[in-house]
């Protein structure tokens, strides 16, 4: 009789582990997915732009111009 209970408890532990693993996998994929949405792109683009400015790859005028474009307030050269 004890063996039956041990098998039952072991089965429940395995089942809960599988459910936990599936839940964790889903949560991780969901978090990664939301990080790649359109809403997240401007912030990452601004971070990249700021890093390039800080590294001296672009000057202040180019930084501000590109930042305005990213934020939707830039001119498209048709002024």
PDB file of N, CA and C in Angstrom:
ATOM      1  N   UNK A   1       0.817  -1.195   0.000  1.00  0.00           N
ATOM      2  CA  UNK A   1       0.000   0.000   0.000  1.00  0.00           C
ATOM      3  C   UNK A   1       0.866   1.267   0.000  1.00  0.00           C
ATOM      4  N   UNK A   2       1.973   1.213   0.726  1.00  0.00           N
ATOM      5  CA  UNK A   2       2.868   2.370   0.803  1.00  0.00           C
ATOM      6  C   UNK A   2       3.450   2.693  -0.566  1.00  0.00           C
ATOM      7  N   UNK A   3       3.723   1.687  -1.359  1.00  0.00           N
ATOM      8  CA  UNK A   3       4.280   1.894  -2.688  1.00  0.00           C
ATOM      9  C   UNK A   3       3.298   2.665  -3.561  1.00  0.00           C
ATOM     10  N   UNK A   4       2.022   2.370  -3.430  1.00  0.00           N
ATOM     11  CA  UNK A   4       1.012   3.076  -4.218  1.00  0.00           C
ATOM     12  C   UNK A   4       0.996   4.564  -3.875  1.00  0.00           C
ATOM     13  N   UNK A   5       1.104   4.877  -2.593  1.00  0.00           N
ATOM     14  CA  UNK A   5       1.129   6.285  -2.180  1.00  0.00           C
ATOM     15  C   UNK A   5       2.398   6.985  -2.674  1.00  0.00           C
ATOM     16  N   UNK A   6       3.504   6.294  -2.615  1.00  0.00           N
ATOM     17  CA  UNK A   6       4.756   6.882  -3.111  1.00  0.00           C
ATOM     18  C   UNK A   6       4.676   7.176  -4.605  1.00  0.00           C
ATOM     19  N   UNK A   7       4.098   6.253  -5.359  1.00  0.00           N
ATOM     20  CA  UNK A   7       3.932   6.461  -6.798  1.00  0.00           C
ATOM     21  C   UNK A   7       2.994   7.628  -7.057  1.00  0.00           C
ATOM     22  N   UNK A   8       1.918   7.727  -6.284  1.00  0.00           N
ATOM     23  CA  UNK A   8       0.959   8.822  -6.439  1.00  0.00           C
ATOM     24  C   UNK A   8       1.611  10.167  -6.125  1.00  0.00           C
ATOM     25  N   UNK A   9       2.340  10.242  -5.026  1.00  0.00           N
ATOM     26  CA  UNK A   9       3.013  11.489  -4.639  1.00  0.00           C
ATOM     27  C   UNK A   9       4.082  11.851  -5.681  1.00  0.00           C
ATOM     28  N   UNK A  10       4.847  10.888  -6.128  1.00  0.00           N
ATOM     29  CA  UNK A  10       5.874  11.148  -7.144  1.00  0.00           C
ATOM     30  C   UNK A  10       5.235  11.637  -8.441  1.00  0.00           C
ATOM     31  N   UNK A  11       4.110  11.029  -8.809  1.00  0.00           N
ATOM     32  CA  UNK A  11       3.399  11.473 -10.011  1.00  0.00           C
ATOM     33  C   UNK A  11       2.902  12.901  -9.886  1.00  0.00           C
ATOM     34  N   UNK A  12       2.381  13.250  -8.706  1.00  0.00           N
ATOM     35  CA  UNK A  12       1.921  14.631  -8.490  1.00  0.00           C
ATOM     36  C   UNK A  12       3.078  15.627  -8.545  1.00  0.00           C
ATOM     37  N   UNK A  13       4.212  15.236  -7.991  1.00  0.00           N
ATOM     38  CA  UNK A  13       5.387  16.112  -8.026  1.00  0.00           C
ATOM     39  C   UNK A  13       5.846  16.330  -9.464  1.00  0.00           C
ATOM     40  N   UNK A  14       5.882  15.285 -10.240  1.00  0.00           N
ATOM     41  CA  UNK A  14       6.269  15.398 -11.652  1.00  0.00           C
ATOM     42  C   UNK A  14       5.254  16.264 -12.408  1.00  0.00           C
ATOM     43  N   UNK A  15       3.975  16.043 -12.153  1.00  0.00           N
ATOM     44  CA  UNK A  15       2.935  16.830 -12.821  1.00  0.00           C
ATOM     45  C   UNK A  15       3.056  18.313 -12.477  1.00  0.00           C
ATOM     46  N   UNK A  16       3.236  18.624 -11.196  1.00  0.00           N
ATOM     47  CA  UNK A  16       3.386  20.020 -10.799  1.00  0.00           C
ATOM     48  C   UNK A  16       4.658  20.632 -11.379  1.00  0.00           C
ATOM     49  N   UNK A  17       5.713  19.848 -11.468  1.00  0.00           N
ATOM     50  CA  UNK A  17       6.950  20.343 -12.086  1.00  0.00           C
ATOM     51  C   UNK A  17       6.752  20.680 -13.552  1.00  0.00           C
ATOM     52  N   UNK A  18       6.019  19.820 -14.257  1.00  0.00           N
ATOM     53  CA  UNK A  18       5.746  20.078 -15.676  1.00  0.00           C
ATOM     54  C   UNK A  18       4.886  21.323 -15.857  1.00  0.00           C
ATOM     55  N   UNK A  19       3.881  21.459 -15.009  1.00  0.00           N
ATOM     56  CA  UNK A  19       3.019  22.648 -15.082  1.00  0.00           C
ATOM     57  C   UNK A  19       3.839  23.903 -14.787  1.00  0.00           C
ATOM     58  N   UNK A  20       4.693  23.832 -13.771  1.00  0.00           N
ATOM     59  CA  UNK A  20       5.546  24.974 -13.434  1.00  0.00           C
ATOM     60  C   UNK A  20       6.502  25.329 -14.562  1.00  0.00           C
ATOM     61  N   UNK A  21       7.078  24.323 -15.177  1.00  0.00           N
ATOM     62  CA  UNK A  21       8.001  24.551 -16.288  1.00  0.00           C
ATOM     63  C   UNK A  21       7.284  25.180 -17.479  1.00  0.00           C
ATOM     64  N   UNK A  22       6.098  24.673 -17.781  1.00  0.00           N
ATOM     65  CA  UNK A  22       5.318  25.241 -18.886  1.00  0.00           C
ATOM     66  C   UNK A  22       4.926  26.683 -18.597  1.00  0.00           C
ATOM     67  N   UNK A  23       4.525  26.945 -17.362  1.00  0.00           N
ATOM     68  CA  UNK A  23       4.144  28.304 -16.982  1.00  0.00           C
ATOM     69  C   UNK A  23       5.339  29.248 -17.090  1.00  0.00           C
ATOM     70  N   UNK A  24       6.479  28.816 -16.595  1.00  0.00           N
ATOM     71  CA  UNK A  24       7.678  29.648 -16.663  1.00  0.00           C
ATOM     72  C   UNK A  24       8.086  29.912 -18.108  1.00  0.00           C
ATOM     73  N   UNK A  25       8.011  28.892 -18.940  1.00  0.00           N
ATOM     74  CA  UNK A  25       8.355  29.056 -20.360  1.00  0.00           C
ATOM     75  C   UNK A  25       7.419  30.045 -21.034  1.00  0.00           C
ATOM     76  N   UNK A  26       6.128  29.906 -20.780  1.00  0.00           N
ATOM     77  CA  UNK A  26       5.151  30.831 -21.358  1.00  0.00           C
ATOM     78  C   UNK A  26       5.422  32.254 -20.892  1.00  0.00           C
ATOM     79  N   UNK A  27       5.689  32.431 -19.600  1.00  0.00           N
ATOM     80  CA  UNK A  27       5.924  33.764 -19.051  1.00  0.00           C
ATOM     81  C   UNK A  27       7.165  34.396 -19.689  1.00  0.00           C
ATOM     82  N   UNK A  28       8.238  33.621 -19.820  1.00  0.00           N
ATOM     83  CA  UNK A  28       9.468  34.143 -20.428  1.00  0.00           C
ATOM     84  C   UNK A  28       9.223  34.544 -21.880  1.00  0.00           C
ATOM     85  N   UNK A  29       8.554  33.684 -22.627  1.00  0.00           N
ATOM     86  CA  UNK A  29       8.268  34.010 -24.028  1.00  0.00           C
ATOM     87  C   UNK A  29       7.354  35.226 -24.136  1.00  0.00           C
ATOM     88  N   UNK A  30       6.407  35.351 -23.236  1.00  0.00           N
ATOM     89  CA  UNK A  30       5.516  36.518 -23.237  1.00  0.00           C
ATOM     90  C   UNK A  30       6.305  37.787 -22.959  1.00  0.00           C
ATOM     91  N   UNK A  31       7.201  37.744 -21.982  1.00  0.00           N
ATOM     92  CA  UNK A  31       8.000  38.925 -21.653  1.00  0.00           C
ATOM     93  C   UNK A  31       8.916  39.304 -22.815  1.00  0.00           C
ATOM     94  N   UNK A  32       9.507  38.313 -23.454  1.00  0.00           N
ATOM     95  CA  UNK A  32      10.361  38.593 -24.614  1.00  0.00           C
ATOM     96  C   UNK A  32       9.521  39.185 -25.734  1.00  0.00           C
ATOM     97  N   UNK A  33       8.348  38.616 -25.949  1.00  0.00           N
ATOM     98  CA  UNK A  33       7.464  39.109 -27.009  1.00  0.00           C
ATOM     99  C   UNK A  33       7.041  40.536 -26.796  1.00  0.00           C
ATOM    100  N   UNK A  34       6.717  40.906 -25.565  1.00  0.00           N
ATOM    101  CA  UNK A  34       6.290  42.273 -25.312  1.00  0.00           C
ATOM    102  C   UNK A  34       7.457  43.238 -25.422  1.00  0.00           C
ATOM    103  N   UNK A  35       8.674  42.748 -25.218  1.00  0.00           N
ATOM    104  CA  UNK A  35       9.843  43.608 -25.374  1.00  0.00           C
ATOM    105  C   UNK A  35      10.136  43.928 -26.824  1.00  0.00           C
ATOM    106  N   UNK A  36       9.597  43.160 -27.738  1.00  0.00           N
ATOM    107  CA  UNK A  36       9.860  43.368 -29.153  1.00  0.00           C
ATOM    108  C   UNK A  36       8.698  44.032 -29.880  1.00  0.00           C
ATOM    109  N   UNK A  37       7.725  44.505 -29.122  1.00  0.00           N
ATOM    110  CA  UNK A  37       6.589  45.155 -29.758  1.00  0.00           C
ATOM    111  C   UNK A  37       6.973  46.538 -30.252  1.00  0.00           C
ATOM    112  N   UNK A  38       6.125  47.102 -31.067  1.00  0.00           N
ATOM    113  CA  UNK A  38       6.366  48.431 -31.619  1.00  0.00           C
ATOM    114  C   UNK A  38       6.516  49.473 -30.519  1.00  0.00           C
ATOM    115  N   UNK A  39       5.798  49.295 -29.421  1.00  0.00           N
ATOM    116  CA  UNK A  39       5.869  50.251 -28.318  1.00  0.00           C
ATOM    117  C   UNK A  39       7.269  50.320 -27.723  1.00  0.00           C
ATOM    118  N   UNK A  40       7.994  49.221 -27.738  1.00  0.00           N
ATOM    119  CA  UNK A  40       9.316  49.203 -27.153  1.00  0.00           C
ATOM    120  C   UNK A  40      10.405  49.708 -28.071  1.00  0.00           C
ATOM    121  N   UNK A  41      10.149  49.791 -29.359  1.00  0.00           N
ATOM    122  CA  UNK A  41      11.186  50.146 -30.313  1.00  0.00           C
ATOM    123  C   UNK A  41      11.698  51.573 -30.171  1.00  0.00           C
ATOM    124  N   UNK A  42      10.850  52.587 -30.023  1.00  0.00           N
ATOM    125  CA  UNK A  42      11.398  53.939 -29.917  1.00  0.00           C
ATOM    126  C   UNK A  42      12.326  54.113 -28.731  1.00  0.00           C
ATOM    127  N   UNK A  43      11.996  53.507 -27.603  1.00  0.00           N
ATOM    128  CA  UNK A  43      12.859  53.646 -26.434  1.00  0.00           C
ATOM    129  C   UNK A  43      14.233  53.040 -26.709  1.00  0.00           C
ATOM    130  N   UNK A  44      14.261  51.878 -27.339  1.00  0.00           N
ATOM    131  CA  UNK A  44      15.546  51.256 -27.661  1.00  0.00           C
ATOM    132  C   UNK A  44      16.294  52.069 -28.699  1.00  0.00           C
ATOM    133  N   UNK A  45      15.581  52.643 -29.647  1.00  0.00           N
ATOM    134  CA  UNK A  45      16.233  53.462 -30.666  1.00  0.00           C
ATOM    135  C   UNK A  45      16.832  54.710 -30.029  1.00  0.00           C
ATOM    136  N   UNK A  46      16.108  55.297 -29.085  1.00  0.00           N
ATOM    137  CA  UNK A  46      16.635  56.478 -28.394  1.00  0.00           C
ATOM    138  C   UNK A  46      17.858  56.116 -27.552  1.00  0.00           C
ATOM    139  N   UNK A  47      17.827  54.944 -26.934  1.00  0.00           N
ATOM    140  CA  UNK A  47      18.988  54.497 -26.159  1.00  0.00           C
ATOM    141  C   UNK A  47      20.203  54.319 -27.063  1.00  0.00           C
ATOM    142  N   UNK A  48      19.998  53.712 -28.217  1.00  0.00           N
ATOM    143  CA  UNK A  48      21.089  53.505 -29.162  1.00  0.00           C
ATOM    144  C   UNK A  48      21.634  54.841 -29.646  1.00  0.00           C
ATOM    145  N   UNK A  49      20.720  55.758 -29.928  1.00  0.00           N
ATOM    146  CA  UNK A  49      21.128  57.090 -30.374  1.00  0.00           C
ATOM    147  C   UNK A  49      21.937  57.799 -29.287  1.00  0.00           C
ATOM    148  N   UNK A  50      21.476  57.695 -28.045  1.00  0.00           N
ATOM    149  CA  UNK A  50      22.194  58.325 -26.933  1.00  0.00           C
ATOM    150  C   UNK A  50      23.580  57.705 -26.754  1.00  0.00           C
ATOM    151  N   UNK A  51      23.682  56.398 -26.932  1.00  0.00           N
ATOM    152  CA  UNK A  51      24.980  55.740 -26.819  1.00  0.00           C
ATOM    153  C   UNK A  51      25.929  56.207 -27.917  1.00  0.00           C
ATOM    154  N   UNK A  52      25.404  56.365 -29.122  1.00  0.00           N
ATOM    155  CA  UNK A  52      26.251  56.841 -30.228  1.00  0.00           C
ATOM    156  C   UNK A  52      26.721  58.266 -29.967  1.00  0.00           C
ATOM    157  N   UNK A  53      25.830  59.095 -29.418  1.00  0.00           N
ATOM    158  CA  UNK A  53      26.190  60.477 -29.095  1.00  0.00           C
ATOM    159  C   UNK A  53      27.255  60.493 -27.991  1.00  0.00           C
ATOM    160  N   UNK A  54      27.049  59.671 -26.962  1.00  0.00           N
ATOM    161  CA  UNK A  54      28.001  59.622 -25.851  1.00  0.00           C
ATOM    162  C   UNK A  54      29.366  59.106 -26.305  1.00  0.00           C
ATOM    163  N   UNK A  55      29.372  58.225 -27.277  1.00  0.00           N
ATOM    164  CA  UNK A  55      30.637  57.676 -27.775  1.00  0.00           C
ATOM    165  C   UNK A  55      31.332  58.619 -28.751  1.00  0.00           C
ATOM    166  N   UNK A  56      30.662  59.705 -29.122  1.00  0.00           N
ATOM    167  CA  UNK A  56      31.259  60.668 -30.043  1.00  0.00           C
ATOM    168  C   UNK A  56      31.098  60.299 -31.502  1.00  0.00           C
ATOM    169  N   UNK A  57      30.238  59.334 -31.799  1.00  0.00           N
ATOM    170  CA  UNK A  57      30.036  58.918 -33.187  1.00  0.00           C
ATOM    171  C   UNK A  57      29.221  59.939 -33.970  1.00  0.00           C
ATOM    172  N   UNK A  58      28.354  60.689 -33.276  1.00  0.00           N
ATOM    173  CA  UNK A  58      27.553  61.732 -33.924  1.00  0.00           C
ATOM    174  C   UNK A  58      27.646  62.998 -33.075  1.00  0.00           C
ATOM    175  N   UNK A  59      27.457  64.149 -33.720  1.00  0.00           N
ATOM    176  CA  UNK A  59      27.531  65.406 -32.979  1.00  0.00           C
ATOM    177  C   UNK A  59      26.146  65.772 -32.416  1.00  0.00           C
ATOM    178  N   UNK A  60      26.117  66.861 -31.660  1.00  0.00           N
ATOM    179  CA  UNK A  60      24.883  67.257 -30.981  1.00  0.00           C
ATOM    180  C   UNK A  60      23.771  67.593 -31.966  1.00  0.00           C
ATOM    181  N   UNK A  61      24.102  68.246 -33.051  1.00  0.00           N
ATOM    182  CA  UNK A  61      23.089  68.617 -34.043  1.00  0.00           C
ATOM    183  C   UNK A  61      22.439  67.364 -34.657  1.00  0.00           C
ATOM    184  N   UNK A  62      23.264  66.403 -35.030  1.00  0.00           N
ATOM    185  CA  UNK A  62      22.729  65.174 -35.606  1.00  0.00           C
ATOM    186  C   UNK A  62      21.915  64.400 -34.564  1.00  0.00           C
ATOM    187  N   UNK A  63      22.400  64.391 -33.318  1.00  0.00           N
ATOM    188  CA  UNK A  63      21.681  63.701 -32.241  1.00  0.00           C
ATOM    189  C   UNK A  63      20.285  64.299 -32.069  1.00  0.00           C
ATOM    190  N   UNK A  64      20.220  65.618 -31.960  1.00  0.00           N
ATOM    191  CA  UNK A  64      18.926  66.270 -31.743  1.00  0.00           C
ATOM    192  C   UNK A  64      17.996  66.097 -32.948  1.00  0.00           C
ATOM    193  N   UNK A  65      18.556  66.154 -34.128  1.00  0.00           N
ATOM    194  CA  UNK A  65      17.755  65.970 -35.332  1.00  0.00           C
ATOM    195  C   UNK A  65      17.151  64.569 -35.381  1.00  0.00           C
ATOM    196  N   UNK A  66      17.979  63.578 -35.129  1.00  0.00           N
ATOM    197  CA  UNK A  66      17.479  62.198 -35.161  1.00  0.00           C
ATOM    198  C   UNK A  66      16.505  61.928 -34.011  1.00  0.00           C
ATOM    199  N   UNK A  67      16.743  62.546 -32.877  1.00  0.00           N
ATOM    200  CA  UNK A  67      15.842  62.374 -31.746  1.00  0.00           C
ATOM    201  C   UNK A  67      14.453  62.945 -32.064  1.00  0.00           C
ATOM    202  N   UNK A  68      14.425  64.093 -32.737  1.00  0.00           N
ATOM    203  CA  UNK A  68      13.133  64.667 -33.150  1.00  0.00           C
ATOM    204  C   UNK A  68      12.406  63.731 -34.114  1.00  0.00           C
ATOM    205  N   UNK A  69      13.145  63.122 -35.024  1.00  0.00           N
ATOM    206  CA  UNK A  69      12.539  62.184 -35.969  1.00  0.00           C
ATOM    207  C   UNK A  69      11.960  60.983 -35.227  1.00  0.00           C
ATOM    208  N   UNK A  70      12.730  60.439 -34.284  1.00  0.00           N
ATOM    209  CA  UNK A  70      12.244  59.289 -33.521  1.00  0.00           C
ATOM    210  C   UNK A  70      10.988  59.614 -32.729  1.00  0.00           C
ATOM    211  N   UNK A  71      10.918  60.816 -32.229  1.00  0.00           N
ATOM    212  CA  UNK A  71       9.761  61.214 -31.426  1.00  0.00           C
ATOM    213  C   UNK A  71       8.614  61.758 -32.257  1.00  0.00           C
ATOM    214  N   UNK A  72       8.795  61.741 -33.580  1.00  0.00           N
ATOM    215  CA  UNK A  72       7.721  62.136 -34.482  1.00  0.00           C
ATOM    216  C   UNK A  72       7.554  63.626 -34.677  1.00  0.00           C
ATOM    217  N   UNK A  73       8.558  64.387 -34.284  1.00  0.00           N
ATOM    218  CA  UNK A  73       8.482  65.834 -34.455  1.00  0.00           C
ATOM    219  C   UNK A  73       9.527  66.350 -35.443  1.00  0.00           C
ATOM    220  N   UNK A  74      10.130  65.434 -36.154  1.00  0.00           N
ATOM    221  CA  UNK A  74      11.214  65.836 -37.055  1.00  0.00           C
ATOM    222  C   UNK A  74      10.705  66.320 -38.376  1.00  0.00           C
ATOM    223  N   UNK A  75      11.576  67.063 -39.065  1.00  0.00           N
ATOM    224  CA  UNK A  75      11.234  67.462 -40.423  1.00  0.00           C
ATOM    225  C   UNK A  75      11.782  66.408 -41.372  1.00  0.00           C
ATOM    226  N   UNK A  76      11.151  66.265 -42.485  1.00  0.00           N
ATOM    227  CA  UNK A  76      11.557  65.229 -43.444  1.00  0.00           C
ATOM    228  C   UNK A  76      12.378  65.815 -44.588  1.00  0.00           C
ATOM    229  N   UNK A  77      12.873  67.011 -44.381  1.00  0.00           N
ATOM    230  CA  UNK A  77      13.694  67.627 -45.405  1.00  0.00           C
ATOM    231  C   UNK A  77      12.892  68.380 -46.453  1.00  0.00           C
ATOM    232  N   UNK A  78      11.577  68.442 -46.322  1.00  0.00           N
ATOM    233  CA  UNK A  78      10.732  69.142 -47.281  1.00  0.00           C
ATOM    234  C   UNK A  78      10.360  70.531 -46.802  1.00  0.00           C
ATOM    235  N   UNK A  79      11.077  71.081 -45.823  1.00  0.00           N
ATOM    236  CA  UNK A  79      10.745  72.385 -45.285  1.00  0.00           C
ATOM    237  C   UNK A  79      11.187  73.483 -46.209  1.00  0.00           C
TER     238      UNK A  79
END
